[in-house]
Full PDB file with SEQRES, HELIX, SHEET, SSBOND, CRYST1, ORIGX, SCALE, CONECT and MASTER records, all heavy atoms in Angstrom:
SEQRES   1 A   30  GLY LYS GLU ARG GLU PHE VAL ALA THR ILE SER TRP SER          
SEQRES   2 A   30  GLY GLY THR THR TYR TYR ALA ASP SER VAL LYS GLY ARG          
SEQRES   3 A   30  PHE THR ILE SER                                              
SHEET    1 AA1 2 ALA A   8  ILE A  10  0                                        
SHEET    2 AA1 2 THR A  17  TYR A  19 -1                                        
CRYST1    1.000    1.000    1.000  90.00  90.00  90.00 P 1           1          
ORIGX1      1.000000  0.000000  0.000000        0.00000                         
ORIGX2      0.000000  1.000000  0.000000        0.00000                         
ORIGX3      0.000000  0.000000  1.000000        0.00000                         
SCALE1      1.000000  0.000000  0.000000        0.00000                         
SCALE2      0.000000  1.000000  0.000000        0.00000                         
SCALE3      0.000000  0.000000  1.000000        0.00000                         
ATOM      1  N   GLY A   1     -12.048  -9.321   4.595  1.00  0.00           N  
ATOM      2  CA  GLY A   1     -11.667 -10.649   4.240  1.00  0.00           C  
ATOM      3  C   GLY A   1     -10.460 -10.768   3.315  1.00  0.00           C  
ATOM      4  O   GLY A   1     -10.134 -11.837   2.841  1.00  0.00           O  
ATOM      5  N   LYS A   2      -9.859  -9.562   2.987  1.00  0.00           N  
ATOM      6  CA  LYS A   2      -8.703  -9.541   2.165  1.00  0.00           C  
ATOM      7  C   LYS A   2      -7.436  -8.929   2.867  1.00  0.00           C  
ATOM      8  O   LYS A   2      -7.592  -8.253   3.888  1.00  0.00           O  
ATOM      9  CB  LYS A   2      -8.986  -8.713   0.851  1.00  0.00           C  
ATOM     10  CG  LYS A   2     -10.045  -9.377   0.034  1.00  0.00           C  
ATOM     11  CD  LYS A   2     -10.138  -8.587  -1.328  1.00  0.00           C  
ATOM     12  CE  LYS A   2     -11.127  -9.322  -2.226  1.00  0.00           C  
ATOM     13  NZ  LYS A   2     -11.267  -8.563  -3.549  1.00  0.00           N  
ATOM     14  N   GLU A   3      -6.318  -9.167   2.329  1.00  0.00           N  
ATOM     15  CA  GLU A   3      -5.064  -8.601   2.871  1.00  0.00           C  
ATOM     16  C   GLU A   3      -4.964  -7.186   2.501  1.00  0.00           C  
ATOM     17  O   GLU A   3      -5.504  -6.740   1.439  1.00  0.00           O  
ATOM     18  CB  GLU A   3      -3.955  -9.430   2.452  1.00  0.00           C  
ATOM     19  CG  GLU A   3      -3.874 -10.822   2.982  1.00  0.00           C  
ATOM     20  CD  GLU A   3      -2.496 -11.440   2.678  1.00  0.00           C  
ATOM     21  OE1 GLU A   3      -1.684 -10.909   1.951  1.00  0.00           O  
ATOM     22  OE2 GLU A   3      -2.323 -12.553   3.178  1.00  0.00           O  
ATOM     23  N   ARG A   4      -4.184  -6.383   3.327  1.00  0.00           N  
ATOM     24  CA  ARG A   4      -3.969  -5.090   2.993  1.00  0.00           C  
ATOM     25  C   ARG A   4      -3.129  -5.000   1.670  1.00  0.00           C  
ATOM     26  O   ARG A   4      -2.191  -5.790   1.443  1.00  0.00           O  
ATOM     27  CB  ARG A   4      -3.244  -4.400   4.118  1.00  0.00           C  
ATOM     28  CG  ARG A   4      -2.856  -2.899   3.953  1.00  0.00           C  
ATOM     29  CD  ARG A   4      -2.051  -2.390   5.084  1.00  0.00           C  
ATOM     30  NE  ARG A   4      -0.799  -3.032   5.246  1.00  0.00           N  
ATOM     31  CZ  ARG A   4      -0.031  -3.136   6.338  1.00  0.00           C  
ATOM     32  NH1 ARG A   4      -0.465  -2.450   7.415  1.00  0.00           N  
ATOM     33  NH2 ARG A   4       1.045  -3.702   6.396  1.00  0.00           N  
ATOM     34  N   GLU A   5      -3.503  -4.108   0.882  1.00  0.00           N  
ATOM     35  CA  GLU A   5      -2.680  -3.892  -0.387  1.00  0.00           C  
ATOM     36  C   GLU A   5      -2.255  -2.403  -0.623  1.00  0.00           C  
ATOM     37  O   GLU A   5      -2.921  -1.496  -0.183  1.00  0.00           O  
ATOM     38  CB  GLU A   5      -3.571  -4.337  -1.567  1.00  0.00           C  
ATOM     39  CG  GLU A   5      -4.814  -3.592  -1.868  1.00  0.00           C  
ATOM     40  CD  GLU A   5      -5.491  -3.977  -3.179  1.00  0.00           C  
ATOM     41  OE1 GLU A   5      -4.879  -4.796  -3.911  1.00  0.00           O  
ATOM     42  OE2 GLU A   5      -6.556  -3.411  -3.479  1.00  0.00           O  
ATOM     43  N   PHE A   6      -1.143  -2.393  -1.348  1.00  0.00           N  
ATOM     44  CA  PHE A   6      -0.577  -1.079  -1.727  1.00  0.00           C  
ATOM     45  C   PHE A   6      -1.460  -0.400  -2.729  1.00  0.00           C  
ATOM     46  O   PHE A   6      -2.023  -0.994  -3.709  1.00  0.00           O  
ATOM     47  CB  PHE A   6       0.819  -1.265  -2.256  1.00  0.00           C  
ATOM     48  CG  PHE A   6       1.346  -0.071  -2.972  1.00  0.00           C  
ATOM     49  CD1 PHE A   6       1.782   1.056  -2.272  1.00  0.00           C  
ATOM     50  CD2 PHE A   6       1.491  -0.056  -4.375  1.00  0.00           C  
ATOM     51  CE1 PHE A   6       2.285   2.081  -2.967  1.00  0.00           C  
ATOM     52  CE2 PHE A   6       1.938   0.970  -5.064  1.00  0.00           C  
ATOM     53  CZ  PHE A   6       2.360   2.110  -4.359  1.00  0.00           C  
ATOM     54  N   VAL A   7      -1.576   0.915  -2.641  1.00  0.00           N  
ATOM     55  CA  VAL A   7      -2.440   1.696  -3.569  1.00  0.00           C  
ATOM     56  C   VAL A   7      -1.462   2.639  -4.248  1.00  0.00           C  
ATOM     57  O   VAL A   7      -1.423   2.751  -5.542  1.00  0.00           O  
ATOM     58  CB  VAL A   7      -3.496   2.419  -2.865  1.00  0.00           C  
ATOM     59  CG1 VAL A   7      -4.246   3.331  -3.862  1.00  0.00           C  
ATOM     60  CG2 VAL A   7      -4.543   1.448  -2.273  1.00  0.00           C  
ATOM     61  N   ALA A   8      -0.824   3.609  -3.534  1.00  0.00           N  
ATOM     62  CA  ALA A   8       0.049   4.638  -4.260  1.00  0.00           C  
ATOM     63  C   ALA A   8       0.975   5.136  -3.171  1.00  0.00           C  
ATOM     64  O   ALA A   8       0.819   5.071  -1.909  1.00  0.00           O  
ATOM     65  CB  ALA A   8      -0.903   5.843  -4.661  1.00  0.00           C  
ATOM     66  N   THR A   9       2.097   5.796  -3.690  1.00  0.00           N  
ATOM     67  CA  THR A   9       3.128   6.282  -2.792  1.00  0.00           C  
ATOM     68  C   THR A   9       3.704   7.609  -3.365  1.00  0.00           C  
ATOM     69  O   THR A   9       3.647   7.775  -4.642  1.00  0.00           O  
ATOM     70  CB  THR A   9       4.255   5.380  -2.504  1.00  0.00           C  
ATOM     71  OG1 THR A   9       5.171   5.960  -1.695  1.00  0.00           O  
ATOM     72  CG2 THR A   9       4.819   4.871  -3.751  1.00  0.00           C  
ATOM     73  N   ILE A  10       4.226   8.481  -2.550  1.00  0.00           N  
ATOM     74  CA  ILE A  10       4.777   9.667  -3.107  1.00  0.00           C  
ATOM     75  C   ILE A  10       5.982  10.116  -2.241  1.00  0.00           C  
ATOM     76  O   ILE A  10       6.020   9.946  -1.015  1.00  0.00           O  
ATOM     77  CB  ILE A  10       3.776  10.905  -3.083  1.00  0.00           C  
ATOM     78  CG1 ILE A  10       4.332  12.204  -3.712  1.00  0.00           C  
ATOM     79  CG2 ILE A  10       3.286  11.244  -1.623  1.00  0.00           C  
ATOM     80  CD1 ILE A  10       3.243  13.199  -3.998  1.00  0.00           C  
ATOM     81  N   SER A  11       7.066  10.522  -2.922  1.00  0.00           N  
ATOM     82  CA  SER A  11       8.252  10.840  -2.205  1.00  0.00           C  
ATOM     83  C   SER A  11       8.100  12.207  -1.473  1.00  0.00           C  
ATOM     84  O   SER A  11       7.136  12.892  -1.703  1.00  0.00           O  
ATOM     85  CB  SER A  11       9.416  11.077  -3.217  1.00  0.00           C  
ATOM     86  OG  SER A  11       9.080  12.067  -4.234  1.00  0.00           O  
ATOM     87  N   TRP A  12       9.023  12.505  -0.605  1.00  0.00           N  
ATOM     88  CA  TRP A  12       8.822  13.758   0.246  1.00  0.00           C  
ATOM     89  C   TRP A  12       8.852  14.995  -0.735  1.00  0.00           C  
ATOM     90  O   TRP A  12       8.157  15.894  -0.373  1.00  0.00           O  
ATOM     91  CB  TRP A  12       9.816  13.886   1.384  1.00  0.00           C  
ATOM     92  CG  TRP A  12      11.201  14.174   0.901  1.00  0.00           C  
ATOM     93  CD1 TRP A  12      12.301  13.271   0.900  1.00  0.00           C  
ATOM     94  CD2 TRP A  12      11.734  15.503   0.606  1.00  0.00           C  
ATOM     95  NE1 TRP A  12      13.411  13.974   0.494  1.00  0.00           N  
ATOM     96  CE2 TRP A  12      13.125  15.364   0.310  1.00  0.00           C  
ATOM     97  CE3 TRP A  12      11.184  16.743   0.450  1.00  0.00           C  
ATOM     98  CZ2 TRP A  12      13.977  16.390  -0.043  1.00  0.00           C  
ATOM     99  CZ3 TRP A  12      12.109  17.806   0.051  1.00  0.00           C  
ATOM    100  CH2 TRP A  12      13.367  17.561  -0.194  1.00  0.00           C  
ATOM    101  N   SER A  13       9.517  14.925  -1.794  1.00  0.00           N  
ATOM    102  CA  SER A  13       9.584  16.068  -2.640  1.00  0.00           C  
ATOM    103  C   SER A  13       8.413  16.166  -3.531  1.00  0.00           C  
ATOM    104  O   SER A  13       8.085  17.225  -4.192  1.00  0.00           O  
ATOM    105  CB  SER A  13      10.880  15.972  -3.468  1.00  0.00           C  
ATOM    106  OG  SER A  13      10.723  14.862  -4.404  1.00  0.00           O  
ATOM    107  N   GLY A  14       7.621  15.123  -3.620  1.00  0.00           N  
ATOM    108  CA  GLY A  14       6.440  15.022  -4.491  1.00  0.00           C  
ATOM    109  C   GLY A  14       6.910  14.788  -5.962  1.00  0.00           C  
ATOM    110  O   GLY A  14       6.082  14.589  -6.797  1.00  0.00           O  
ATOM    111  N   GLY A  15       8.164  14.592  -6.223  1.00  0.00           N  
ATOM    112  CA  GLY A  15       8.732  14.351  -7.552  1.00  0.00           C  
ATOM    113  C   GLY A  15       8.559  13.002  -8.045  1.00  0.00           C  
ATOM    114  O   GLY A  15       8.732  12.697  -9.225  1.00  0.00           O  
ATOM    115  N   THR A  16       8.392  12.007  -7.175  1.00  0.00           N  
ATOM    116  CA  THR A  16       8.249  10.547  -7.587  1.00  0.00           C  
ATOM    117  C   THR A  16       6.975  10.049  -7.057  1.00  0.00           C  
ATOM    118  O   THR A  16       6.728  10.227  -5.759  1.00  0.00           O  
ATOM    119  CB  THR A  16       9.370   9.804  -7.058  1.00  0.00           C  
ATOM    120  OG1 THR A  16      10.646  10.421  -7.402  1.00  0.00           O  
ATOM    121  CG2 THR A  16       9.313   8.309  -7.510  1.00  0.00           C  
ATOM    122  N   THR A  17       6.158   9.399  -7.781  1.00  0.00           N  
ATOM    123  CA  THR A  17       4.906   8.825  -7.404  1.00  0.00           C  
ATOM    124  C   THR A  17       4.895   7.411  -8.074  1.00  0.00           C  
ATOM    125  O   THR A  17       5.509   7.154  -9.090  1.00  0.00           O  
ATOM    126  CB  THR A  17       3.669   9.548  -7.877  1.00  0.00           C  
ATOM    127  OG1 THR A  17       3.667   9.754  -9.286  1.00  0.00           O  
ATOM    128  CG2 THR A  17       3.655  10.886  -7.208  1.00  0.00           C  
ATOM    129  N   TYR A  18       4.117   6.506  -7.451  1.00  0.00           N  
ATOM    130  CA  TYR A  18       4.071   5.156  -7.966  1.00  0.00           C  
ATOM    131  C   TYR A  18       2.690   4.658  -7.565  1.00  0.00           C  
ATOM    132  O   TYR A  18       2.165   4.909  -6.490  1.00  0.00           O  
ATOM    133  CB  TYR A  18       5.237   4.266  -7.370  1.00  0.00           C  
ATOM    134  CG  TYR A  18       5.292   2.938  -8.056  1.00  0.00           C  
ATOM    135  CD1 TYR A  18       5.771   2.743  -9.366  1.00  0.00           C  
ATOM    136  CD2 TYR A  18       4.836   1.763  -7.315  1.00  0.00           C  
ATOM    137  CE1 TYR A  18       5.891   1.511  -9.851  1.00  0.00           C  
ATOM    138  CE2 TYR A  18       4.801   0.575  -7.955  1.00  0.00           C  
ATOM    139  CZ  TYR A  18       5.310   0.430  -9.159  1.00  0.00           C  
ATOM    140  OH  TYR A  18       5.417  -0.831  -9.783  1.00  0.00           O  
ATOM    141  N   TYR A  19       2.109   3.850  -8.489  1.00  0.00           N  
ATOM    142  CA  TYR A  19       0.745   3.401  -8.318  1.00  0.00           C  
ATOM    143  C   TYR A  19       0.618   1.870  -8.478  1.00  0.00           C  
ATOM    144  O   TYR A  19       1.401   1.313  -9.338  1.00  0.00           O  
ATOM    145  CB  TYR A  19      -0.220   4.041  -9.246  1.00  0.00           C  
ATOM    146  CG  TYR A  19      -0.313   5.529  -9.096  1.00  0.00           C  
ATOM    147  CD1 TYR A  19       0.505   6.403  -9.792  1.00  0.00           C  
ATOM    148  CD2 TYR A  19      -1.207   6.179  -8.180  1.00  0.00           C  
ATOM    149  CE1 TYR A  19       0.507   7.831  -9.640  1.00  0.00           C  
ATOM    150  CE2 TYR A  19      -1.294   7.520  -8.134  1.00  0.00           C  
ATOM    151  CZ  TYR A  19      -0.392   8.280  -8.824  1.00  0.00           C  
ATOM    152  OH  TYR A  19      -0.447   9.643  -8.616  1.00  0.00           O  
ATOM    153  N   ALA A  20      -0.349   1.289  -7.814  1.00  0.00           N  
ATOM    154  CA  ALA A  20      -0.680  -0.053  -8.128  1.00  0.00           C  
ATOM    155  C   ALA A  20      -1.304  -0.113  -9.469  1.00  0.00           C  
ATOM    156  O   ALA A  20      -2.040   0.826  -9.818  1.00  0.00           O  
ATOM    157  CB  ALA A  20      -1.668  -0.681  -7.048  1.00  0.00           C  
ATOM    158  N   ASP A  21      -1.145  -1.288 -10.179  1.00  0.00           N  
ATOM    159  CA  ASP A  21      -1.715  -1.346 -11.504  1.00  0.00           C  
ATOM    160  C   ASP A  21      -3.194  -1.252 -11.639  1.00  0.00           C  
ATOM    161  O   ASP A  21      -3.832  -0.621 -12.488  1.00  0.00           O  
ATOM    162  CB  ASP A  21      -1.302  -2.692 -12.184  1.00  0.00           C  
ATOM    163  CG  ASP A  21       0.138  -2.744 -12.604  1.00  0.00           C  
ATOM    164  OD1 ASP A  21       0.804  -1.689 -12.668  1.00  0.00           O  
ATOM    165  OD2 ASP A  21       0.649  -3.934 -12.731  1.00  0.00           O  
ATOM    166  N   SER A  22      -3.801  -1.670 -10.434  1.00  0.00           N  
ATOM    167  CA  SER A  22      -5.287  -1.671 -10.332  1.00  0.00           C  
ATOM    168  C   SER A  22      -5.872  -0.238 -10.265  1.00  0.00           C  
ATOM    169  O   SER A  22      -7.041  -0.085 -10.531  1.00  0.00           O  
ATOM    170  CB  SER A  22      -5.754  -2.571  -9.143  1.00  0.00           C  
ATOM    171  OG  SER A  22      -5.274  -1.954  -8.004  1.00  0.00           O  
ATOM    172  N   VAL A  23      -5.068   0.762  -9.957  1.00  0.00           N  
ATOM    173  CA  VAL A  23      -5.609   2.018  -9.793  1.00  0.00           C  
ATOM    174  C   VAL A  23      -4.938   3.045 -10.737  1.00  0.00           C  
ATOM    175  O   VAL A  23      -5.400   4.207 -10.750  1.00  0.00           O  
ATOM    176  CB  VAL A  23      -5.446   2.603  -8.333  1.00  0.00           C  
ATOM    177  CG1 VAL A  23      -6.046   1.641  -7.360  1.00  0.00           C  
ATOM    178  CG2 VAL A  23      -4.020   2.934  -7.991  1.00  0.00           C  
ATOM    179  N   LYS A  24      -3.949   2.685 -11.482  1.00  0.00           N  
ATOM    180  CA  LYS A  24      -3.226   3.553 -12.351  1.00  0.00           C  
ATOM    181  C   LYS A  24      -4.202   4.141 -13.286  1.00  0.00           C  
ATOM    182  O   LYS A  24      -5.018   3.444 -13.993  1.00  0.00           O  
ATOM    183  CB  LYS A  24      -2.142   2.749 -13.030  1.00  0.00           C  
ATOM    184  CG  LYS A  24      -0.950   3.533 -13.592  1.00  0.00           C  
ATOM    185  CD  LYS A  24       0.154   2.697 -14.061  1.00  0.00           C  
ATOM    186  CE  LYS A  24       0.829   1.801 -12.993  1.00  0.00           C  
ATOM    187  NZ  LYS A  24       1.939   1.035 -13.476  1.00  0.00           N  
ATOM    188  N   GLY A  25      -4.066   5.426 -13.584  1.00  0.00           N  
ATOM    189  CA  GLY A  25      -5.002   6.182 -14.439  1.00  0.00           C  
ATOM    190  C   GLY A  25      -6.261   6.682 -13.862  1.00  0.00           C  
ATOM    191  O   GLY A  25      -6.960   7.420 -14.376  1.00  0.00           O  
ATOM    192  N   ARG A  26      -6.559   6.146 -12.690  1.00  0.00           N  
ATOM    193  CA  ARG A  26      -7.796   6.480 -12.022  1.00  0.00           C  
ATOM    194  C   ARG A  26      -7.567   7.266 -10.688  1.00  0.00           C  
ATOM    195  O   ARG A  26      -8.347   8.201 -10.251  1.00  0.00           O  
ATOM    196  CB  ARG A  26      -8.627   5.331 -11.682  1.00  0.00           C  
ATOM    197  CG  ARG A  26      -9.044   4.522 -12.899  1.00  0.00           C  
ATOM    198  CD  ARG A  26     -10.132   3.348 -12.454  1.00  0.00           C  
ATOM    199  NE  ARG A  26      -9.551   2.459 -11.546  1.00  0.00           N  
ATOM    200  CZ  ARG A  26     -10.061   2.206 -10.358  1.00  0.00           C  
ATOM    201  NH1 ARG A  26     -11.208   2.825  -9.989  1.00  0.00           N  
ATOM    202  NH2 ARG A  26      -9.466   1.250  -9.564  1.00  0.00           N  
ATOM    203  N   PHE A  27      -6.480   6.921 -10.043  1.00  0.00           N  
ATOM    204  CA  PHE A  27      -6.131   7.637  -8.755  1.00  0.00           C  
ATOM    205  C   PHE A  27      -4.906   8.547  -8.853  1.00  0.00           C  
ATOM    206  O   PHE A  27      -3.995   8.136  -9.741  1.00  0.00           O  
ATOM    207  CB  PHE A  27      -5.809   6.534  -7.677  1.00  0.00           C  
ATOM    208  CG  PHE A  27      -6.878   5.773  -7.161  1.00  0.00           C  
ATOM    209  CD1 PHE A  27      -8.185   5.724  -7.835  1.00  0.00           C  
ATOM    210  CD2 PHE A  27      -6.830   4.899  -6.066  1.00  0.00           C  
ATOM    211  CE1 PHE A  27      -9.195   4.977  -7.396  1.00  0.00           C  
ATOM    212  CE2 PHE A  27      -7.890   4.189  -5.599  1.00  0.00           C  
ATOM    213  CZ  PHE A  27      -9.031   4.140  -6.241  1.00  0.00           C  
ATOM    214  N   THR A  28      -4.822   9.662  -8.302  1.00  0.00           N  
ATOM    215  CA  THR A  28      -3.736  10.532  -8.216  1.00  0.00           C  
ATOM    216  C   THR A  28      -3.285  10.896  -6.816  1.00  0.00           C  
ATOM    217  O   THR A  28      -4.127  11.462  -6.068  1.00  0.00           O  
ATOM    218  CB  THR A  28      -4.033  11.801  -9.010  1.00  0.00           C  
ATOM    219  OG1 THR A  28      -4.481  11.447 -10.339  1.00  0.00           O  
ATOM    220  CG2 THR A  28      -2.788  12.671  -9.085  1.00  0.00           C  
ATOM    221  N   ILE A  29      -2.046  10.697  -6.462  1.00  0.00           N  
ATOM    222  CA  ILE A  29      -1.561  11.067  -5.129  1.00  0.00           C  
ATOM    223  C   ILE A  29      -0.791  12.405  -5.329  1.00  0.00           C  
ATOM    224  O   ILE A  29      -0.022  12.569  -6.325  1.00  0.00           O  
ATOM    225  CB  ILE A  29      -0.567   9.985  -4.593  1.00  0.00           C  
ATOM    226  CG1 ILE A  29      -0.278  10.236  -3.096  1.00  0.00           C  
ATOM    227  CG2 ILE A  29       0.679   9.728  -5.494  1.00  0.00           C  
ATOM    228  CD1 ILE A  29       0.449   9.080  -2.427  1.00  0.00           C  
ATOM    229  N   SER A  30      -0.953  13.303  -4.337  1.00  0.00           N  
ATOM    230  CA  SER A  30      -0.204  14.496  -4.320  1.00  0.00           C  
ATOM    231  C   SER A  30      -0.079  14.964  -2.934  1.00  0.00           C  
ATOM    232  O   SER A  30      -0.559  14.361  -2.015  1.00  0.00           O  
ATOM    233  CB  SER A  30      -1.005  15.596  -5.042  1.00  0.00           C  
ATOM    234  OG  SER A  30      -2.348  15.836  -4.535  1.00  0.00           O  
TER     235      SER A  30                                                      
MASTER        0    0    0    0    2    0    0    6  234    1    0    3          
END                                                                             
């Protein structure tokens, strides 16, 4: 019942990551 939302992203090098505020500190992308 909800729209799709962004969670996390990572650059191809792995050097840049970015998280949604709702998951920051709990989720880790690698």
